[in-house]
Amino acid sequence: MAFRILLKGEKGSNSVKTVGDVVEMQHQTVHPKLAPRATGQRIMLHWSFNFADVSRVELMELAARSLVITMRAPFKTLDAPVPTDWDFKQFDVREWIDNEKRKPVDKVAATAKLVNSMTAAERAALLAQLTAGDDSDEE
């Protein structure tokens, strides 16, 4: 599949393929000029990364930079974080990889988390939007 802009609601597919030292990735992203976030559009891109002549240490340091971004997300969502629980924390990467691959998306739980983060006014507006024109209970 070649470069293209996905329209709002259109599904794209992400993939990862490794051949030798090269990792090929098909992924989606937004861009402020080509596909602004507000439009709901995304760009489908195909990138490859050649890891030839990259040492194990360099690869681990590169992976750790990415993992820092991923692992600090839960820390940022805590209402009352205890810094000492997070300082000098060691993450088991194997465990994280295994859990991430098996973790199904629970849409209800994800939605509940989002709704719980909303103000009362935002929840009321959302409820009004969801029930507007909904006559499924009426005969």
N, C-alpha and C. Protein backbone atom coordinates (compact mmCIF):
# COMPACT_ATOMS: atom_id res chain seq x y z
N MET A 1 0.85 -1.17 0.00
CA MET A 1 0.00 0.00 0.00
C MET A 1 0.90 1.24 0.00
N ALA A 2 0.64 2.17 -0.87
CA ALA A 2 1.44 3.38 -1.00
C ALA A 2 0.94 4.47 -0.05
N PHE A 3 1.73 5.53 0.06
CA PHE A 3 1.35 6.68 0.90
C PHE A 3 -0.05 7.15 0.53
N ARG A 4 -0.84 7.37 1.55
CA ARG A 4 -2.14 7.98 1.31
C ARG A 4 -2.69 8.56 2.59
N ILE A 5 -3.67 9.42 2.44
CA ILE A 5 -4.31 10.04 3.59
C ILE A 5 -5.59 9.27 3.87
N LEU A 6 -5.72 8.81 5.10
CA LEU A 6 -6.91 8.09 5.52
C LEU A 6 -7.95 9.11 5.98
N LEU A 7 -9.15 8.97 5.52
CA LEU A 7 -10.22 9.88 5.89
C LEU A 7 -10.72 9.56 7.29
N LYS A 8 -11.42 10.50 7.90
CA LYS A 8 -11.96 10.31 9.24
C LYS A 8 -12.80 9.03 9.26
N GLY A 9 -12.52 8.17 10.23
CA GLY A 9 -13.25 6.92 10.37
C GLY A 9 -12.70 5.77 9.54
N GLU A 10 -11.86 6.06 8.57
CA GLU A 10 -11.30 5.01 7.72
C GLU A 10 -10.23 4.25 8.50
N LYS A 11 -10.26 2.95 8.37
CA LYS A 11 -9.31 2.10 9.08
C LYS A 11 -8.04 1.91 8.25
N GLY A 12 -6.93 2.03 8.90
CA GLY A 12 -5.65 1.71 8.29
C GLY A 12 -5.09 0.51 9.03
N SER A 13 -4.09 -0.12 8.49
CA SER A 13 -3.52 -1.26 9.20
C SER A 13 -2.06 -0.99 9.51
N ASN A 14 -1.68 -1.31 10.73
CA ASN A 14 -0.30 -1.19 11.16
C ASN A 14 0.33 -2.56 11.09
N SER A 15 1.59 -2.61 10.70
CA SER A 15 2.27 -3.90 10.64
C SER A 15 3.76 -3.72 10.89
N VAL A 16 4.37 -4.79 11.33
CA VAL A 16 5.82 -4.82 11.55
C VAL A 16 6.33 -6.11 10.93
N LYS A 17 7.38 -5.99 10.14
CA LYS A 17 8.00 -7.16 9.51
C LYS A 17 9.51 -7.01 9.65
N THR A 18 10.16 -8.05 10.11
CA THR A 18 11.60 -8.03 10.27
C THR A 18 12.24 -9.01 9.31
N VAL A 19 13.19 -8.51 8.53
CA VAL A 19 13.94 -9.34 7.59
C VAL A 19 15.41 -9.02 7.81
N GLY A 20 16.11 -9.98 8.39
CA GLY A 20 17.53 -9.74 8.69
C GLY A 20 17.68 -8.59 9.67
N ASP A 21 18.46 -7.58 9.30
CA ASP A 21 18.69 -6.42 10.16
C ASP A 21 17.71 -5.28 9.91
N VAL A 22 16.75 -5.50 9.04
CA VAL A 22 15.82 -4.44 8.66
C VAL A 22 14.42 -4.70 9.22
N VAL A 23 13.87 -3.68 9.86
CA VAL A 23 12.50 -3.75 10.37
C VAL A 23 11.66 -2.82 9.51
N GLU A 24 10.63 -3.39 8.88
CA GLU A 24 9.71 -2.61 8.05
C GLU A 24 8.44 -2.37 8.85
N MET A 25 7.99 -1.12 8.85
CA MET A 25 6.79 -0.78 9.61
C MET A 25 5.83 0.01 8.75
N GLN A 26 4.58 -0.37 8.82
CA GLN A 26 3.50 0.39 8.22
C GLN A 26 2.76 1.00 9.40
N HIS A 27 2.60 2.33 9.41
CA HIS A 27 1.99 2.98 10.56
C HIS A 27 1.19 4.20 10.13
N GLN A 28 0.43 4.72 11.09
CA GLN A 28 -0.42 5.88 10.84
C GLN A 28 0.01 7.03 11.74
N THR A 29 -0.11 8.24 11.23
CA THR A 29 0.21 9.41 12.04
C THR A 29 -0.59 10.60 11.53
N VAL A 30 -0.57 11.67 12.29
CA VAL A 30 -1.20 12.92 11.85
C VAL A 30 -0.09 13.89 11.47
N HIS A 31 -0.45 14.94 10.75
CA HIS A 31 0.50 15.98 10.39
C HIS A 31 -0.27 17.30 10.33
N PRO A 32 0.28 18.37 10.93
CA PRO A 32 -0.47 19.62 11.01
C PRO A 32 -0.88 20.20 9.65
N LYS A 33 -0.16 19.89 8.59
CA LYS A 33 -0.49 20.43 7.26
C LYS A 33 -1.18 19.39 6.37
N LEU A 34 -0.65 18.17 6.34
CA LEU A 34 -1.19 17.14 5.45
C LEU A 34 -2.46 16.49 5.98
N ALA A 35 -2.52 16.24 7.26
CA ALA A 35 -3.67 15.57 7.88
C ALA A 35 -3.78 16.06 9.32
N PRO A 36 -4.35 17.26 9.51
CA PRO A 36 -4.45 17.81 10.87
C PRO A 36 -5.31 16.95 11.79
N ARG A 37 -4.92 16.87 13.04
CA ARG A 37 -5.63 16.06 14.03
C ARG A 37 -7.12 16.42 14.07
N ALA A 38 -7.44 17.69 13.95
CA ALA A 38 -8.83 18.15 14.05
C ALA A 38 -9.72 17.57 12.95
N THR A 39 -9.15 17.20 11.82
CA THR A 39 -9.95 16.67 10.72
C THR A 39 -10.25 15.18 10.89
N GLY A 40 -9.54 14.54 11.81
CA GLY A 40 -9.70 13.10 11.99
C GLY A 40 -8.98 12.29 10.94
N GLN A 41 -8.25 12.95 10.06
CA GLN A 41 -7.50 12.25 9.03
C GLN A 41 -6.17 11.77 9.60
N ARG A 42 -5.62 10.75 8.96
CA ARG A 42 -4.31 10.24 9.31
C ARG A 42 -3.56 9.91 8.04
N ILE A 43 -2.26 9.88 8.14
CA ILE A 43 -1.41 9.54 7.00
C ILE A 43 -0.91 8.12 7.20
N MET A 44 -0.99 7.32 6.15
CA MET A 44 -0.47 5.95 6.17
C MET A 44 0.95 6.02 5.62
N LEU A 45 1.93 5.65 6.44
CA LEU A 45 3.33 5.70 6.04
C LEU A 45 3.98 4.32 6.15
N HIS A 46 5.00 4.12 5.35
CA HIS A 46 5.79 2.89 5.35
C HIS A 46 7.25 3.28 5.57
N TRP A 47 7.81 2.83 6.67
CA TRP A 47 9.20 3.14 6.98
C TRP A 47 9.95 1.84 7.21
N SER A 48 11.26 1.88 6.98
CA SER A 48 12.10 0.75 7.34
C SER A 48 13.30 1.26 8.10
N PHE A 49 13.76 0.45 9.03
CA PHE A 49 14.90 0.79 9.87
C PHE A 49 15.96 -0.29 9.70
N ASN A 50 17.14 0.11 9.27
CA ASN A 50 18.24 -0.81 9.05
C ASN A 50 19.13 -0.79 10.30
N PHE A 51 19.17 -1.90 11.00
CA PHE A 51 19.94 -2.00 12.24
C PHE A 51 21.31 -2.63 12.03
N ALA A 52 21.76 -2.74 10.81
CA ALA A 52 23.09 -3.29 10.54
C ALA A 52 24.13 -2.42 11.25
N ASP A 53 25.10 -3.04 11.83
CA ASP A 53 26.21 -2.36 12.52
C ASP A 53 25.78 -1.57 13.75
N VAL A 54 24.62 -1.88 14.30
CA VAL A 54 24.18 -1.27 15.56
C VAL A 54 24.48 -2.27 16.67
N SER A 55 25.22 -1.84 17.67
CA SER A 55 25.60 -2.76 18.75
C SER A 55 24.41 -3.05 19.66
N ARG A 56 24.53 -4.10 20.43
CA ARG A 56 23.47 -4.47 21.38
C ARG A 56 23.26 -3.34 22.38
N VAL A 57 24.32 -2.73 22.85
CA VAL A 57 24.22 -1.63 23.82
C VAL A 57 23.48 -0.45 23.18
N GLU A 58 23.84 -0.11 21.95
CA GLU A 58 23.16 1.00 21.27
C GLU A 58 21.67 0.69 21.08
N LEU A 59 21.38 -0.54 20.73
CA LEU A 59 20.00 -0.96 20.53
C LEU A 59 19.21 -0.89 21.84
N MET A 60 19.82 -1.34 22.94
CA MET A 60 19.15 -1.28 24.24
C MET A 60 18.92 0.16 24.68
N GLU A 61 19.88 1.04 24.44
CA GLU A 61 19.71 2.45 24.82
C GLU A 61 18.61 3.11 23.99
N LEU A 62 18.57 2.77 22.72
CA LEU A 62 17.52 3.29 21.84
C LEU A 62 16.15 2.80 22.31
N ALA A 63 16.04 1.52 22.62
CA ALA A 63 14.78 0.95 23.10
C ALA A 63 14.38 1.58 24.43
N ALA A 64 15.35 1.81 25.31
CA ALA A 64 15.04 2.40 26.62
C ALA A 64 14.47 3.81 26.49
N ARG A 65 14.97 4.59 25.52
CA ARG A 65 14.42 5.94 25.31
C ARG A 65 12.94 5.88 24.96
N SER A 66 12.60 4.93 24.11
CA SER A 66 11.20 4.75 23.74
C SER A 66 10.38 4.25 24.92
N LEU A 67 10.93 3.32 25.68
CA LEU A 67 10.21 2.76 26.83
C LEU A 67 9.97 3.81 27.92
N VAL A 68 10.89 4.75 28.08
CA VAL A 68 10.69 5.82 29.07
C VAL A 68 9.41 6.57 28.77
N ILE A 69 9.20 6.88 27.52
CA ILE A 69 7.99 7.61 27.11
C ILE A 69 6.75 6.77 27.42
N THR A 70 6.81 5.48 27.11
CA THR A 70 5.68 4.58 27.34
C THR A 70 5.42 4.38 28.83
N MET A 71 6.47 4.15 29.59
CA MET A 71 6.32 3.80 31.01
C MET A 71 5.95 4.99 31.89
N ARG A 72 6.25 6.21 31.45
CA ARG A 72 5.90 7.34 32.30
C ARG A 72 4.45 7.76 32.14
N ALA A 73 3.76 7.24 31.14
CA ALA A 73 2.34 7.57 30.96
C ALA A 73 1.51 7.20 32.18
N PRO A 74 1.65 5.97 32.74
CA PRO A 74 0.85 5.65 33.93
C PRO A 74 1.21 6.54 35.12
N PHE A 75 2.46 6.90 35.24
CA PHE A 75 2.90 7.79 36.33
C PHE A 75 2.20 9.14 36.24
N LYS A 76 2.07 9.65 35.02
CA LYS A 76 1.46 10.96 34.82
C LYS A 76 -0.04 10.97 35.12
N THR A 77 -0.68 9.81 35.08
CA THR A 77 -2.13 9.76 35.31
C THR A 77 -2.49 9.61 36.79
N LEU A 78 -1.50 9.40 37.65
CA LEU A 78 -1.78 9.22 39.07
C LEU A 78 -2.22 10.54 39.71
N ASP A 79 -3.29 10.48 40.51
CA ASP A 79 -3.77 11.67 41.21
C ASP A 79 -2.82 12.09 42.33
N ALA A 80 -2.31 11.10 43.06
CA ALA A 80 -1.40 11.38 44.17
C ALA A 80 -0.19 10.46 44.07
N PRO A 81 0.70 10.74 43.11
CA PRO A 81 1.86 9.85 42.95
C PRO A 81 2.80 9.91 44.15
N VAL A 82 3.36 8.78 44.47
CA VAL A 82 4.38 8.71 45.51
C VAL A 82 5.72 8.58 44.78
N PRO A 83 6.46 9.69 44.72
CA PRO A 83 7.71 9.67 43.94
C PRO A 83 8.66 8.54 44.31
N THR A 84 8.71 8.19 45.58
CA THR A 84 9.64 7.13 45.99
C THR A 84 9.23 5.77 45.43
N ASP A 85 7.95 5.61 45.06
CA ASP A 85 7.52 4.36 44.42
C ASP A 85 8.01 4.28 42.98
N TRP A 86 8.31 5.42 42.40
CA TRP A 86 8.68 5.47 40.99
C TRP A 86 10.16 5.77 40.76
N ASP A 87 10.83 6.30 41.76
CA ASP A 87 12.25 6.60 41.61
C ASP A 87 13.05 5.31 41.77
N PHE A 88 14.01 5.10 40.94
CA PHE A 88 14.83 3.88 40.91
C PHE A 88 14.00 2.64 40.59
N LYS A 89 12.90 2.82 39.89
CA LYS A 89 12.03 1.70 39.52
C LYS A 89 12.68 0.91 38.38
N GLN A 90 12.62 -0.40 38.49
CA GLN A 90 13.13 -1.26 37.43
C GLN A 90 11.95 -1.96 36.77
N PHE A 91 11.88 -1.85 35.46
CA PHE A 91 10.82 -2.48 34.69
C PHE A 91 11.35 -3.76 34.05
N ASP A 92 10.55 -4.80 34.07
CA ASP A 92 10.90 -6.05 33.43
C ASP A 92 10.39 -5.98 31.99
N VAL A 93 11.28 -5.76 31.05
CA VAL A 93 10.91 -5.55 29.65
C VAL A 93 10.24 -6.80 29.07
N ARG A 94 10.76 -7.99 29.40
CA ARG A 94 10.15 -9.23 28.90
C ARG A 94 8.69 -9.32 29.35
N GLU A 95 8.46 -9.04 30.62
CA GLU A 95 7.10 -9.09 31.18
C GLU A 95 6.21 -8.06 30.48
N TRP A 96 6.74 -6.86 30.28
CA TRP A 96 5.97 -5.81 29.61
C TRP A 96 5.60 -6.22 28.18
N ILE A 97 6.56 -6.77 27.44
CA ILE A 97 6.31 -7.21 26.06
C ILE A 97 5.23 -8.29 26.05
N ASP A 98 5.36 -9.28 26.94
CA ASP A 98 4.39 -10.38 26.98
C ASP A 98 2.98 -9.87 27.31
N ASN A 99 2.88 -8.96 28.26
CA ASN A 99 1.57 -8.44 28.66
C ASN A 99 0.99 -7.51 27.60
N GLU A 100 1.84 -6.73 26.96
CA GLU A 100 1.35 -5.81 25.95
C GLU A 100 0.77 -6.55 24.76
N LYS A 101 1.41 -7.63 24.36
CA LYS A 101 0.94 -8.40 23.21
C LYS A 101 -0.38 -9.10 23.49
N ARG A 102 -0.61 -9.49 24.73
CA ARG A 102 -1.82 -10.24 25.06
C ARG A 102 -2.95 -9.34 25.53
N LYS A 103 -2.69 -8.08 25.74
CA LYS A 103 -3.67 -7.19 26.34
C LYS A 103 -4.75 -6.79 25.33
N PRO A 104 -5.95 -7.35 25.46
CA PRO A 104 -7.02 -6.94 24.54
C PRO A 104 -7.54 -5.56 24.92
N VAL A 105 -8.05 -4.86 23.95
CA VAL A 105 -8.59 -3.54 24.21
C VAL A 105 -9.99 -3.71 24.78
N ASP A 106 -10.19 -3.20 25.98
CA ASP A 106 -11.49 -3.24 26.62
C ASP A 106 -12.13 -1.88 26.41
N LYS A 107 -12.98 -1.78 25.40
CA LYS A 107 -13.58 -0.50 25.03
C LYS A 107 -14.42 0.08 26.17
N VAL A 108 -15.11 -0.78 26.90
CA VAL A 108 -15.96 -0.30 27.99
C VAL A 108 -15.10 0.31 29.09
N ALA A 109 -14.03 -0.38 29.47
CA ALA A 109 -13.15 0.14 30.52
C ALA A 109 -12.46 1.42 30.07
N ALA A 110 -12.01 1.44 28.81
CA ALA A 110 -11.35 2.64 28.29
C ALA A 110 -12.31 3.81 28.26
N THR A 111 -13.55 3.56 27.87
CA THR A 111 -14.55 4.63 27.83
C THR A 111 -14.89 5.10 29.23
N ALA A 112 -15.04 4.17 30.16
CA ALA A 112 -15.34 4.54 31.55
C ALA A 112 -14.23 5.40 32.13
N LYS A 113 -12.99 5.06 31.83
CA LYS A 113 -11.86 5.85 32.32
C LYS A 113 -11.92 7.26 31.76
N LEU A 114 -12.23 7.36 30.47
CA LEU A 114 -12.33 8.67 29.84
C LEU A 114 -13.50 9.47 30.42
N VAL A 115 -14.66 8.84 30.56
CA VAL A 115 -15.84 9.52 31.10
C VAL A 115 -15.58 9.98 32.53
N ASN A 116 -14.90 9.15 33.31
CA ASN A 116 -14.61 9.53 34.70
C ASN A 116 -13.66 10.71 34.80
N SER A 117 -12.91 10.96 33.74
CA SER A 117 -11.98 12.09 33.75
C SER A 117 -12.66 13.39 33.31
N MET A 118 -13.92 13.29 32.88
CA MET A 118 -14.64 14.46 32.38
C MET A 118 -15.31 15.22 33.52
N THR A 119 -15.57 16.49 33.26
CA THR A 119 -16.33 17.29 34.22
C THR A 119 -17.80 16.88 34.13
N ALA A 120 -18.58 17.30 35.11
CA ALA A 120 -20.01 16.99 35.11
C ALA A 120 -20.68 17.58 33.87
N ALA A 121 -20.28 18.78 33.50
CA ALA A 121 -20.87 19.43 32.31
C ALA A 121 -20.51 18.67 31.04
N GLU A 122 -19.27 18.19 30.94
CA GLU A 122 -18.86 17.42 29.77
C GLU A 122 -19.63 16.10 29.69
N ARG A 123 -19.81 15.45 30.85
CA ARG A 123 -20.58 14.19 30.88
C ARG A 123 -22.02 14.43 30.45
N ALA A 124 -22.62 15.53 30.95
CA ALA A 124 -24.00 15.85 30.59
C ALA A 124 -24.12 16.10 29.08
N ALA A 125 -23.16 16.82 28.53
CA ALA A 125 -23.17 17.11 27.10
C ALA A 125 -23.02 15.83 26.29
N LEU A 126 -22.15 14.94 26.74
CA LEU A 126 -21.95 13.68 26.06
C LEU A 126 -23.21 12.83 26.12
N LEU A 127 -23.83 12.76 27.29
CA LEU A 127 -25.05 11.99 27.44
C LEU A 127 -26.16 12.53 26.55
N ALA A 128 -26.28 13.85 26.48
CA ALA A 128 -27.29 14.47 25.62
C ALA A 128 -27.02 14.12 24.16
N GLN A 129 -25.75 14.14 23.77
CA GLN A 129 -25.39 13.82 22.39
C GLN A 129 -25.69 12.35 22.08
N LEU A 130 -25.40 11.47 23.02
CA LEU A 130 -25.62 10.05 22.80
C LEU A 130 -27.10 9.69 22.75
N THR A 131 -27.91 10.41 23.49
CA THR A 131 -29.35 10.08 23.54
C THR A 131 -30.18 10.89 22.57
N ALA A 132 -29.57 11.89 21.94
CA ALA A 132 -30.32 12.70 20.97
C ALA A 132 -30.75 11.84 19.80
N GLY A 133 -32.04 11.84 19.52
CA GLY A 133 -32.53 11.08 18.38
C GLY A 133 -32.57 9.58 18.59
N ASP A 134 -32.25 9.13 19.82
CA ASP A 134 -32.27 7.69 20.10
C ASP A 134 -33.67 7.31 20.53
N ASP A 135 -34.45 6.74 19.61
CA ASP A 135 -35.81 6.33 19.93
C ASP A 135 -35.93 4.81 19.92
N SER A 136 -34.83 4.14 20.21
CA SER A 136 -34.82 2.68 20.15
C SER A 136 -35.74 2.06 21.19
N ASP A 137 -36.01 2.77 22.30
CA ASP A 137 -36.91 2.25 23.33
C ASP A 137 -38.35 2.56 23.02
N GLU A 138 -38.59 3.46 22.08
CA GLU A 138 -39.96 3.86 21.76
C GLU A 138 -40.48 3.01 20.61
N GLU A 139 -41.74 2.67 20.66
CA GLU A 139 -42.35 1.85 19.61
C GLU A 139 -43.28 2.70 18.79
